[in-house]
Amino acid sequence: MGEIIFWLIIMVPCSALLTGLGIYAFRRKKPMWFWSGSTVKEEEISDIPAYNRANGIMWIAFSLILWVSAFLGVFNISAAGIVLIAGCALGVPLLPIVYNRIYKKYRK
């Protein structure tokens, strides 16, 4: 039981953080950035709301991997770990690729 609680204490805040980042991107009036410390100027983006919506969807979709893993951990901690590792191994390298496609689509 202790390992499940420990798992949830770690996974729920991490999942919520990424979901929150997606929601923040949805609501942001200025263009959302991808890398920490980088900025995207308003003049660079043709449709800021659509660009931010696409960014939000990207982050929320990635957070779903963590949410699935978090709740799967309640039933089977080993399966949850496999989902987390596989999902991150595929998802983390995919994030910059998806972001670059979003940026190119909405760049002026």
PDB file of N, CA and C in Angstrom:
ATOM      1  N   MET A   1       0.823  -1.204   0.000  1.00  0.00           N
ATOM      2  CA  MET A   1       0.000   0.000   0.000  1.00  0.00           C
ATOM      3  C   MET A   1       0.866   1.266   0.000  1.00  0.00           C
ATOM      4  N   GLY A   2       2.005   1.203   0.696  1.00  0.00           N
ATOM      5  CA  GLY A   2       2.890   2.355   0.771  1.00  0.00           C
ATOM      6  C   GLY A   2       3.460   2.755  -0.567  1.00  0.00           C
ATOM      7  N   GLU A   3       3.792   1.757  -1.391  1.00  0.00           N
ATOM      8  CA  GLU A   3       4.350   2.067  -2.703  1.00  0.00           C
ATOM      9  C   GLU A   3       3.320   2.738  -3.605  1.00  0.00           C
ATOM     10  N   ILE A   4       2.049   2.383  -3.456  1.00  0.00           N
ATOM     11  CA  ILE A   4       0.985   3.007  -4.248  1.00  0.00           C
ATOM     12  C   ILE A   4       0.829   4.470  -3.845  1.00  0.00           C
ATOM     13  N   ILE A   5       0.832   4.735  -2.559  1.00  0.00           N
ATOM     14  CA  ILE A   5       0.711   6.113  -2.082  1.00  0.00           C
ATOM     15  C   ILE A   5       1.909   6.938  -2.554  1.00  0.00           C
ATOM     16  N   PHE A   6       3.104   6.371  -2.429  1.00  0.00           N
ATOM     17  CA  PHE A   6       4.314   7.057  -2.891  1.00  0.00           C
ATOM     18  C   PHE A   6       4.222   7.338  -4.392  1.00  0.00           C
ATOM     19  N   TRP A   7       3.769   6.357  -5.151  1.00  0.00           N
ATOM     20  CA  TRP A   7       3.601   6.502  -6.600  1.00  0.00           C
ATOM     21  C   TRP A   7       2.647   7.658  -6.919  1.00  0.00           C
ATOM     22  N   LEU A   8       1.524   7.693  -6.222  1.00  0.00           N
ATOM     23  CA  LEU A   8       0.535   8.751  -6.478  1.00  0.00           C
ATOM     24  C   LEU A   8       1.038  10.124  -6.042  1.00  0.00           C
ATOM     25  N   ILE A   9       1.794  10.166  -4.948  1.00  0.00           N
ATOM     26  CA  ILE A   9       2.350  11.447  -4.475  1.00  0.00           C
ATOM     27  C   ILE A   9       3.294  12.037  -5.529  1.00  0.00           C
ATOM     28  N   ILE A  10       3.966  11.192  -6.257  1.00  0.00           N
ATOM     29  CA  ILE A  10       4.868  11.663  -7.313  1.00  0.00           C
ATOM     30  C   ILE A  10       4.112  11.924  -8.617  1.00  0.00           C
ATOM     31  N   MET A  11       3.280  10.993  -9.021  1.00  0.00           N
ATOM     32  CA  MET A  11       2.687  11.043 -10.352  1.00  0.00           C
ATOM     33  C   MET A  11       1.564  12.067 -10.514  1.00  0.00           C
ATOM     34  N   VAL A  12       0.722  12.215  -9.517  1.00  0.00           N
ATOM     35  CA  VAL A  12      -0.408  13.147  -9.660  1.00  0.00           C
ATOM     36  C   VAL A  12       0.074  14.588  -9.829  1.00  0.00           C
ATOM     37  N   PRO A  13       0.998  15.081  -9.004  1.00  0.00           N
ATOM     38  CA  PRO A  13       1.472  16.458  -9.244  1.00  0.00           C
ATOM     39  C   PRO A  13       2.195  16.636 -10.579  1.00  0.00           C
ATOM     40  N   CYS A  14       2.979  15.644 -10.989  1.00  0.00           N
ATOM     41  CA  CYS A  14       3.662  15.739 -12.282  1.00  0.00           C
ATOM     42  C   CYS A  14       2.652  15.768 -13.427  1.00  0.00           C
ATOM     43  N   SER A  15       1.659  14.919 -13.342  1.00  0.00           N
ATOM     44  CA  SER A  15       0.607  14.887 -14.365  1.00  0.00           C
ATOM     45  C   SER A  15      -0.161  16.203 -14.382  1.00  0.00           C
ATOM     46  N   ALA A  16      -0.497  16.695 -13.207  1.00  0.00           N
ATOM     47  CA  ALA A  16      -1.241  17.949 -13.100  1.00  0.00           C
ATOM     48  C   ALA A  16      -0.422  19.129 -13.617  1.00  0.00           C
ATOM     49  N   LEU A  17       0.871  19.100 -13.401  1.00  0.00           N
ATOM     50  CA  LEU A  17       1.741  20.168 -13.890  1.00  0.00           C
ATOM     51  C   LEU A  17       1.703  20.251 -15.415  1.00  0.00           C
ATOM     52  N   LEU A  18       1.806  19.121 -16.080  1.00  0.00           N
ATOM     53  CA  LEU A  18       1.763  19.123 -17.541  1.00  0.00           C
ATOM     54  C   LEU A  18       0.373  19.472 -18.073  1.00  0.00           C
ATOM     55  N   THR A  19      -0.666  19.003 -17.392  1.00  0.00           N
ATOM     56  CA  THR A  19      -2.030  19.381 -17.786  1.00  0.00           C
ATOM     57  C   THR A  19      -2.218  20.883 -17.592  1.00  0.00           C
ATOM     58  N   GLY A  20      -1.719  21.395 -16.483  1.00  0.00           N
ATOM     59  CA  GLY A  20      -1.794  22.835 -16.219  1.00  0.00           C
ATOM     60  C   GLY A  20      -1.051  23.645 -17.265  1.00  0.00           C
ATOM     61  N   LEU A  21       0.079  23.140 -17.725  1.00  0.00           N
ATOM     62  CA  LEU A  21       0.827  23.818 -18.783  1.00  0.00           C
ATOM     63  C   LEU A  21      -0.007  23.877 -20.058  1.00  0.00           C
ATOM     64  N   GLY A  22      -0.707  22.802 -20.357  1.00  0.00           N
ATOM     65  CA  GLY A  22      -1.587  22.789 -21.526  1.00  0.00           C
ATOM     66  C   GLY A  22      -2.728  23.776 -21.393  1.00  0.00           C
ATOM     67  N   ILE A  23      -3.329  23.849 -20.222  1.00  0.00           N
ATOM     68  CA  ILE A  23      -4.419  24.801 -19.983  1.00  0.00           C
ATOM     69  C   ILE A  23      -3.902  26.229 -20.053  1.00  0.00           C
ATOM     70  N   TYR A  24      -2.720  26.445 -19.493  1.00  0.00           N
ATOM     71  CA  TYR A  24      -2.096  27.774 -19.553  1.00  0.00           C
ATOM     72  C   TYR A  24      -1.877  28.187 -21.004  1.00  0.00           C
ATOM     73  N   ALA A  25      -1.406  27.254 -21.829  1.00  0.00           N
ATOM     74  CA  ALA A  25      -1.190  27.556 -23.247  1.00  0.00           C
ATOM     75  C   ALA A  25      -2.506  27.923 -23.928  1.00  0.00           C
ATOM     76  N   PHE A  26      -3.569  27.203 -23.613  1.00  0.00           N
ATOM     77  CA  PHE A  26      -4.894  27.506 -24.180  1.00  0.00           C
ATOM     78  C   PHE A  26      -5.323  28.930 -23.864  1.00  0.00           C
ATOM     79  N   ARG A  27      -5.115  29.366 -22.647  1.00  0.00           N
ATOM     80  CA  ARG A  27      -5.624  30.660 -22.171  1.00  0.00           C
ATOM     81  C   ARG A  27      -4.697  31.831 -22.453  1.00  0.00           C
ATOM     82  N   ARG A  28      -3.477  31.556 -22.819  1.00  0.00           N
ATOM     83  CA  ARG A  28      -2.484  32.605 -23.012  1.00  0.00           C
ATOM     84  C   ARG A  28      -2.848  33.476 -24.217  1.00  0.00           C
ATOM     85  N   LYS A  29      -2.713  34.782 -24.061  1.00  0.00           N
ATOM     86  CA  LYS A  29      -3.022  35.724 -25.138  1.00  0.00           C
ATOM     87  C   LYS A  29      -1.836  35.927 -26.069  1.00  0.00           C
ATOM     88  N   LYS A  30      -0.622  35.830 -25.518  1.00  0.00           N
ATOM     89  CA  LYS A  30       0.592  35.945 -26.329  1.00  0.00           C
ATOM     90  C   LYS A  30       1.027  34.540 -26.725  1.00  0.00           C
ATOM     91  N   PRO A  31       1.852  34.426 -27.765  1.00  0.00           N
ATOM     92  CA  PRO A  31       2.268  33.092 -28.212  1.00  0.00           C
ATOM     93  C   PRO A  31       2.998  32.300 -27.126  1.00  0.00           C
ATOM     94  N   MET A  32       2.642  31.053 -27.007  1.00  0.00           N
ATOM     95  CA  MET A  32       3.264  30.142 -26.040  1.00  0.00           C
ATOM     96  C   MET A  32       4.636  29.730 -26.550  1.00  0.00           C
ATOM     97  N   TRP A  33       5.574  29.590 -25.659  1.00  0.00           N
ATOM     98  CA  TRP A  33       6.921  29.138 -26.018  1.00  0.00           C
ATOM     99  C   TRP A  33       7.026  27.649 -25.743  1.00  0.00           C
ATOM    100  N   PHE A  34       8.119  27.066 -26.177  1.00  0.00           N
ATOM    101  CA  PHE A  34       8.337  25.644 -25.921  1.00  0.00           C
ATOM    102  C   PHE A  34       9.480  25.429 -24.948  1.00  0.00           C
ATOM    103  N   TRP A  35      10.650  25.967 -25.243  1.00  0.00           N
ATOM    104  CA  TRP A  35      11.814  25.796 -24.375  1.00  0.00           C
ATOM    105  C   TRP A  35      11.828  26.851 -23.297  1.00  0.00           C
ATOM    106  N   SER A  36      12.289  26.493 -22.146  1.00  0.00           N
ATOM    107  CA  SER A  36      12.428  27.441 -21.049  1.00  0.00           C
ATOM    108  C   SER A  36      13.413  28.528 -21.451  1.00  0.00           C
ATOM    109  N   GLY A  37      13.019  29.765 -21.246  1.00  0.00           N
ATOM    110  CA  GLY A  37      13.885  30.891 -21.571  1.00  0.00           C
ATOM    111  C   GLY A  37      13.731  31.396 -22.989  1.00  0.00           C
ATOM    112  N   SER A  38      13.053  30.646 -23.844  1.00  0.00           N
ATOM    113  CA  SER A  38      12.849  31.110 -25.212  1.00  0.00           C
ATOM    114  C   SER A  38      11.547  31.906 -25.288  1.00  0.00           C
ATOM    115  N   THR A  39      11.438  32.724 -26.294  1.00  0.00           N
ATOM    116  CA  THR A  39      10.207  33.476 -26.508  1.00  0.00           C
ATOM    117  C   THR A  39       9.802  33.365 -27.970  1.00  0.00           C
ATOM    118  N   VAL A  40       8.518  33.522 -28.200  1.00  0.00           N
ATOM    119  CA  VAL A  40       7.982  33.566 -29.550  1.00  0.00           C
ATOM    120  C   VAL A  40       7.293  34.910 -29.675  1.00  0.00           C
ATOM    121  N   LYS A  41       7.732  35.711 -30.603  1.00  0.00           N
ATOM    122  CA  LYS A  41       7.172  37.050 -30.773  1.00  0.00           C
ATOM    123  C   LYS A  41       5.823  36.980 -31.480  1.00  0.00           C
ATOM    124  N   GLU A  42       4.960  37.915 -31.121  1.00  0.00           N
ATOM    125  CA  GLU A  42       3.630  37.955 -31.719  1.00  0.00           C
ATOM    126  C   GLU A  42       3.700  38.144 -33.229  1.00  0.00           C
ATOM    127  N   GLU A  43       4.719  38.855 -33.684  1.00  0.00           N
ATOM    128  CA  GLU A  43       4.872  39.114 -35.118  1.00  0.00           C
ATOM    129  C   GLU A  43       5.213  37.845 -35.900  1.00  0.00           C
ATOM    130  N   GLU A  44       5.698  36.828 -35.214  1.00  0.00           N
ATOM    131  CA  GLU A  44       6.110  35.588 -35.874  1.00  0.00           C
ATOM    132  C   GLU A  44       4.932  34.670 -36.189  1.00  0.00           C
ATOM    133  N   ILE A  45       3.821  34.815 -35.462  1.00  0.00           N
ATOM    134  CA  ILE A  45       2.708  33.860 -35.520  1.00  0.00           C
ATOM    135  C   ILE A  45       1.516  34.484 -36.233  1.00  0.00           C
ATOM    136  N   SER A  46       0.949  33.741 -37.184  1.00  0.00           N
ATOM    137  CA  SER A  46      -0.182  34.253 -37.962  1.00  0.00           C
ATOM    138  C   SER A  46      -1.505  34.172 -37.215  1.00  0.00           C
ATOM    139  N   ASP A  47      -1.726  33.130 -36.443  1.00  0.00           N
ATOM    140  CA  ASP A  47      -2.988  32.936 -35.708  1.00  0.00           C
ATOM    141  C   ASP A  47      -2.645  32.495 -34.286  1.00  0.00           C
ATOM    142  N   ILE A  48      -2.510  33.460 -33.394  1.00  0.00           N
ATOM    143  CA  ILE A  48      -2.054  33.173 -32.029  1.00  0.00           C
ATOM    144  C   ILE A  48      -3.006  32.243 -31.279  1.00  0.00           C
ATOM    145  N   PRO A  49      -4.333  32.465 -31.306  1.00  0.00           N
ATOM    146  CA  PRO A  49      -5.210  31.536 -30.577  1.00  0.00           C
ATOM    147  C   PRO A  49      -5.099  30.089 -31.074  1.00  0.00           C
ATOM    148  N   ALA A  50      -5.022  29.888 -32.372  1.00  0.00           N
ATOM    149  CA  ALA A  50      -4.896  28.530 -32.914  1.00  0.00           C
ATOM    150  C   ALA A  50      -3.541  27.929 -32.562  1.00  0.00           C
ATOM    151  N   TYR A  51      -2.498  28.736 -32.616  1.00  0.00           N
ATOM    152  CA  TYR A  51      -1.150  28.293 -32.252  1.00  0.00           C
ATOM    153  C   TYR A  51      -1.114  27.861 -30.788  1.00  0.00           C
ATOM    154  N   ASN A  52      -1.690  28.674 -29.901  1.00  0.00           N
ATOM    155  CA  ASN A  52      -1.716  28.336 -28.476  1.00  0.00           C
ATOM    156  C   ASN A  52      -2.592  27.123 -28.197  1.00  0.00           C
ATOM    157  N   ARG A  53      -3.684  27.002 -28.927  1.00  0.00           N
ATOM    158  CA  ARG A  53      -4.558  25.839 -28.767  1.00  0.00           C
ATOM    159  C   ARG A  53      -3.811  24.559 -29.150  1.00  0.00           C
ATOM    160  N   ALA A  54      -3.073  24.612 -30.239  1.00  0.00           N
ATOM    161  CA  ALA A  54      -2.292  23.446 -30.671  1.00  0.00           C
ATOM    162  C   ALA A  54      -1.219  23.100 -29.637  1.00  0.00           C
ATOM    163  N   ASN A  55      -0.583  24.112 -29.068  1.00  0.00           N
ATOM    164  CA  ASN A  55       0.397  23.875 -28.006  1.00  0.00           C
ATOM    165  C   ASN A  55      -0.264  23.244 -26.791  1.00  0.00           C
ATOM    166  N   GLY A  56      -1.427  23.748 -26.421  1.00  0.00           N
ATOM    167  CA  GLY A  56      -2.153  23.199 -25.276  1.00  0.00           C
ATOM    168  C   GLY A  56      -2.525  21.744 -25.483  1.00  0.00           C
ATOM    169  N   ILE A  57      -2.998  21.433 -26.675  1.00  0.00           N
ATOM    170  CA  ILE A  57      -3.359  20.044 -26.999  1.00  0.00           C
ATOM    171  C   ILE A  57      -2.125  19.150 -26.905  1.00  0.00           C
ATOM    172  N   MET A  58      -0.996  19.644 -27.393  1.00  0.00           N
ATOM    173  CA  MET A  58       0.241  18.863 -27.342  1.00  0.00           C
ATOM    174  C   MET A  58       0.600  18.511 -25.893  1.00  0.00           C
ATOM    175  N   TRP A  59       0.570  19.500 -24.996  1.00  0.00           N
ATOM    176  CA  TRP A  59       0.949  19.255 -23.598  1.00  0.00           C
ATOM    177  C   TRP A  59      -0.074  18.389 -22.877  1.00  0.00           C
ATOM    178  N   ILE A  60      -1.344  18.603 -23.137  1.00  0.00           N
ATOM    179  CA  ILE A  60      -2.369  17.786 -22.482  1.00  0.00           C
ATOM    180  C   ILE A  60      -2.287  16.342 -22.971  1.00  0.00           C
ATOM    181  N   ALA A  61      -2.052  16.150 -24.266  1.00  0.00           N
ATOM    182  CA  ALA A  61      -1.900  14.783 -24.793  1.00  0.00           C
ATOM    183  C   ALA A  61      -0.713  14.085 -24.132  1.00  0.00           C
ATOM    184  N   PHE A  62       0.391  14.797 -23.950  1.00  0.00           N
ATOM    185  CA  PHE A  62       1.554  14.191 -23.286  1.00  0.00           C
ATOM    186  C   PHE A  62       1.239  13.892 -21.823  1.00  0.00           C
ATOM    187  N   SER A  63       0.481  14.765 -21.175  1.00  0.00           N
ATOM    188  CA  SER A  63       0.154  14.536 -19.763  1.00  0.00           C
ATOM    189  C   SER A  63      -0.737  13.307 -19.583  1.00  0.00           C
ATOM    190  N   LEU A  64      -1.475  12.928 -20.617  1.00  0.00           N
ATOM    191  CA  LEU A  64      -2.338  11.744 -20.519  1.00  0.00           C
ATOM    192  C   LEU A  64      -1.530  10.478 -20.247  1.00  0.00           C
ATOM    193  N   ILE A  65      -0.308  10.423 -20.783  1.00  0.00           N
ATOM    194  CA  ILE A  65       0.566   9.281 -20.505  1.00  0.00           C
ATOM    195  C   ILE A  65       0.807   9.175 -19.005  1.00  0.00           C
ATOM    196  N   LEU A  66       1.082  10.304 -18.382  1.00  0.00           N
ATOM    197  CA  LEU A  66       1.350  10.318 -16.941  1.00  0.00           C
ATOM    198  C   LEU A  66       0.098  10.002 -16.138  1.00  0.00           C
ATOM    199  N   TRP A  67      -1.051  10.553 -16.562  1.00  0.00           N
ATOM    200  CA  TRP A  67      -2.302  10.265 -15.851  1.00  0.00           C
ATOM    201  C   TRP A  67      -2.651   8.778 -15.919  1.00  0.00           C
ATOM    202  N   VAL A  68      -2.519   8.193 -17.107  1.00  0.00           N
ATOM    203  CA  VAL A  68      -2.807   6.758 -17.258  1.00  0.00           C
ATOM    204  C   VAL A  68      -1.885   5.955 -16.357  1.00  0.00           C
ATOM    205  N   SER A  69      -0.622   6.303 -16.374  1.00  0.00           N
ATOM    206  CA  SER A  69       0.352   5.602 -15.541  1.00  0.00           C
ATOM    207  C   SER A  69       0.038   5.793 -14.054  1.00  0.00           C
ATOM    208  N   ALA A  70      -0.347   6.997 -13.670  1.00  0.00           N
ATOM    209  CA  ALA A  70      -0.658   7.272 -12.257  1.00  0.00           C
ATOM    210  C   ALA A  70      -1.800   6.387 -11.771  1.00  0.00           C
ATOM    211  N   PHE A  71      -2.881   6.341 -12.518  1.00  0.00           N
ATOM    212  CA  PHE A  71      -4.040   5.573 -12.059  1.00  0.00           C
ATOM    213  C   PHE A  71      -3.867   4.073 -12.264  1.00  0.00           C
ATOM    214  N   LEU A  72      -3.085   3.690 -13.260  1.00  0.00           N
ATOM    215  CA  LEU A  72      -2.778   2.276 -13.435  1.00  0.00           C
ATOM    216  C   LEU A  72      -1.966   1.763 -12.253  1.00  0.00           C
ATOM    217  N   GLY A  73      -1.167   2.630 -11.658  1.00  0.00           N
ATOM    218  CA  GLY A  73      -0.350   2.266 -10.501  1.00  0.00           C
ATOM    219  C   GLY A  73      -1.166   1.830  -9.300  1.00  0.00           C
ATOM    220  N   VAL A  74      -2.400   2.260  -9.215  1.00  0.00           N
ATOM    221  CA  VAL A  74      -3.277   1.832  -8.121  1.00  0.00           C
ATOM    222  C   VAL A  74      -3.568   0.334  -8.234  1.00  0.00           C
ATOM    223  N   PHE A  75      -3.628  -0.169  -9.452  1.00  0.00           N
ATOM    224  CA  PHE A  75      -3.978  -1.564  -9.676  1.00  0.00           C
ATOM    225  C   PHE A  75      -2.767  -2.460  -9.922  1.00  0.00           C
ATOM    226  N   ASN A  76      -1.778  -1.924 -10.660  1.00  0.00           N
ATOM    227  CA  ASN A  76      -0.612  -2.726 -11.015  1.00  0.00           C
ATOM    228  C   ASN A  76       0.588  -1.792 -11.185  1.00  0.00           C
ATOM    229  N   ILE A  77       1.418  -1.723 -10.180  1.00  0.00           N
ATOM    230  CA  ILE A  77       2.537  -0.782 -10.177  1.00  0.00           C
ATOM    231  C   ILE A  77       3.562  -1.112 -11.264  1.00  0.00           C
ATOM    232  N   SER A  78       3.750  -2.387 -11.553  1.00  0.00           N
ATOM    233  CA  SER A  78       4.712  -2.774 -12.599  1.00  0.00           C
ATOM    234  C   SER A  78       4.232  -2.330 -13.971  1.00  0.00           C
ATOM    235  N   ALA A  79       2.974  -2.550 -14.265  1.00  0.00           N
ATOM    236  CA  ALA A  79       2.416  -2.121 -15.547  1.00  0.00           C
ATOM    237  C   ALA A  79       2.462  -0.598 -15.674  1.00  0.00           C
ATOM    238  N   ALA A  80       2.216   0.090 -14.562  1.00  0.00           N
ATOM    239  CA  ALA A  80       2.262   1.554 -14.572  1.00  0.00           C
ATOM    240  C   ALA A  80       3.663   2.048 -14.895  1.00  0.00           C
ATOM    241  N   GLY A  81       4.658   1.395 -14.337  1.00  0.00           N
ATOM    242  CA  GLY A  81       6.036   1.765 -14.624  1.00  0.00           C
ATOM    243  C   GLY A  81       6.396   1.543 -16.079  1.00  0.00           C
ATOM    244  N   ILE A  82       5.925   0.442 -16.636  1.00  0.00           N
ATOM    245  CA  ILE A  82       6.178   0.157 -18.050  1.00  0.00           C
ATOM    246  C   ILE A  82       5.511   1.204 -18.934  1.00  0.00           C
ATOM    247  N   VAL A  83       4.272   1.552 -18.624  1.00  0.00           N
ATOM    248  CA  VAL A  83       3.556   2.580 -19.395  1.00  0.00           C
ATOM    249  C   VAL A  83       4.295   3.909 -19.306  1.00  0.00           C
ATOM    250  N   LEU A  84       4.745   4.250 -18.118  1.00  0.00           N
ATOM    251  CA  LEU A  84       5.455   5.514 -17.928  1.00  0.00           C
ATOM    252  C   LEU A  84       6.760   5.537 -18.720  1.00  0.00           C
ATOM    253  N   ILE A  85       7.552   4.504 -18.599  1.00  0.00           N
ATOM    254  CA  ILE A  85       8.844   4.461 -19.301  1.00  0.00           C
ATOM    255  C   ILE A  85       8.649   4.449 -20.815  1.00  0.00           C
ATOM    256  N   ALA A  86       7.752   3.607 -21.293  1.00  0.00           N
ATOM    257  CA  ALA A  86       7.509   3.530 -22.740  1.00  0.00           C
ATOM    258  C   ALA A  86       6.916   4.840 -23.262  1.00  0.00           C
ATOM    259  N   GLY A  87       5.955   5.383 -22.523  1.00  0.00           N
ATOM    260  CA  GLY A  87       5.324   6.628 -22.947  1.00  0.00           C
ATOM    261  C   GLY A  87       6.293   7.792 -22.986  1.00  0.00           C
ATOM    262  N   CYS A  88       7.159   7.885 -21.995  1.00  0.00           N
ATOM    263  CA  CYS A  88       8.144   8.968 -21.970  1.00  0.00           C
ATOM    264  C   CYS A  88       9.242   8.743 -23.001  1.00  0.00           C
ATOM    265  N   ALA A  89       9.640   7.493 -23.194  1.00  0.00           N
ATOM    266  CA  ALA A  89      10.673   7.192 -24.185  1.00  0.00           C
ATOM    267  C   ALA A  89      10.206   7.574 -25.590  1.00  0.00           C
ATOM    268  N   LEU A  90       8.921   7.434 -25.853  1.00  0.00           N
ATOM    269  CA  LEU A  90       8.371   7.832 -27.149  1.00  0.00           C
ATOM    270  C   LEU A  90       7.937   9.299 -27.157  1.00  0.00           C
ATOM    271  N   GLY A  91       7.326   9.737 -26.055  1.00  0.00           N
ATOM    272  CA  GLY A  91       6.736  11.074 -26.008  1.00  0.00           C
ATOM    273  C   GLY A  91       7.730  12.215 -25.909  1.00  0.00           C
ATOM    274  N   VAL A  92       8.761  12.065 -25.089  1.00  0.00           N
ATOM    275  CA  VAL A  92       9.716  13.163 -24.892  1.00  0.00           C
ATOM    276  C   VAL A  92      10.432  13.531 -26.195  1.00  0.00           C
ATOM    277  N   PRO A  93      10.943  12.571 -26.969  1.00  0.00           N
ATOM    278  CA  PRO A  93      11.557  12.954 -28.247  1.00  0.00           C
ATOM    279  C   PRO A  93      10.535  13.478 -29.263  1.00  0.00           C
ATOM    280  N   LEU A  94       9.289  13.067 -29.116  1.00  0.00           N
ATOM    281  CA  LEU A  94       8.250  13.494 -30.043  1.00  0.00           C
ATOM    282  C   LEU A  94       7.802  14.946 -29.795  1.00  0.00           C
ATOM    283  N   LEU A  95       7.912  15.426 -28.561  1.00  0.00           N
ATOM    284  CA  LEU A  95       7.462  16.779 -28.237  1.00  0.00           C
ATOM    285  C   LEU A  95       8.125  17.857 -29.108  1.00  0.00           C
ATOM    286  N   PRO A  96       9.459  17.900 -29.233  1.00  0.00           N
ATOM    287  CA  PRO A  96      10.044  18.945 -30.084  1.00  0.00           C
ATOM    288  C   PRO A  96       9.642  18.814 -31.559  1.00  0.00           C
ATOM    289  N   ILE A  97       9.449  17.593 -32.006  1.00  0.00           N
ATOM    290  CA  ILE A  97       9.032  17.378 -33.394  1.00  0.00           C
ATOM    291  C   ILE A  97       7.636  17.957 -33.608  1.00  0.00           C
ATOM    292  N   VAL A  98       6.725  17.654 -32.694  1.00  0.00           N
ATOM    293  CA  VAL A  98       5.357  18.173 -32.801  1.00  0.00           C
ATOM    294  C   VAL A  98       5.354  19.691 -32.680  1.00  0.00           C
ATOM    295  N   TYR A  99       6.135  20.216 -31.727  1.00  0.00           N
ATOM    296  CA  TYR A  99       6.176  21.668 -31.566  1.00  0.00           C
ATOM    297  C   TYR A  99       6.693  22.349 -32.834  1.00  0.00           C
ATOM    298  N   ASN A 100       7.742  21.801 -33.430  1.00  0.00           N
ATOM    299  CA  ASN A 100       8.275  22.415 -34.654  1.00  0.00           C
ATOM    300  C   ASN A 100       7.246  22.407 -35.776  1.00  0.00           C
ATOM    301  N   ARG A 101       6.440  21.369 -35.855  1.00  0.00           N
ATOM    302  CA  ARG A 101       5.361  21.346 -36.856  1.00  0.00           C
ATOM    303  C   ARG A 101       4.318  22.419 -36.558  1.00  0.00           C
ATOM    304  N   ILE A 102       3.979  22.572 -35.290  1.00  0.00           N
ATOM    305  CA  ILE A 102       3.021  23.617 -34.896  1.00  0.00           C
ATOM    306  C   ILE A 102       3.585  24.988 -35.255  1.00  0.00           C
ATOM    307  N   TYR A 103       4.836  25.207 -34.890  1.00  0.00           N
ATOM    308  CA  TYR A 103       5.466  26.507 -35.150  1.00  0.00           C
ATOM    309  C   TYR A 103       5.506  26.803 -36.646  1.00  0.00           C
ATOM    310  N   LYS A 104       5.902  25.837 -37.442  1.00  0.00           N
ATOM    311  CA  LYS A 104       5.979  26.040 -38.895  1.00  0.00           C
ATOM    312  C   LYS A 104       4.596  26.289 -39.496  1.00  0.00           C
ATOM    313  N   LYS A 105       3.585  25.634 -38.963  1.00  0.00           N
ATOM    314  CA  LYS A 105       2.228  25.805 -39.488  1.00  0.00           C
ATOM    315  C   LYS A 105       1.708  27.225 -39.251  1.00  0.00           C
ATOM    316  N   TYR A 106       2.021  27.804 -38.099  1.00  0.00           N
ATOM    317  CA  TYR A 106       1.464  29.110 -37.734  1.00  0.00           C
ATOM    318  C   TYR A 106       2.457  30.251 -37.902  1.00  0.00           C
ATOM    319  N   ARG A 107       3.651  29.972 -38.380  1.00  0.00           N
ATOM    320  CA  ARG A 107       4.640  31.032 -38.602  1.00  0.00           C
ATOM    321  C   ARG A 107       4.222  31.847 -39.819  1.00  0.00           C
ATOM    322  N   LYS A 108       4.398  33.162 -39.721  1.00  0.00           N
ATOM    323  CA  LYS A 108       4.044  34.053 -40.841  1.00  0.00           C
ATOM    324  C   LYS A 108       4.993  33.867 -41.986  1.00  0.00           C
TER     325      LYS A 108
END
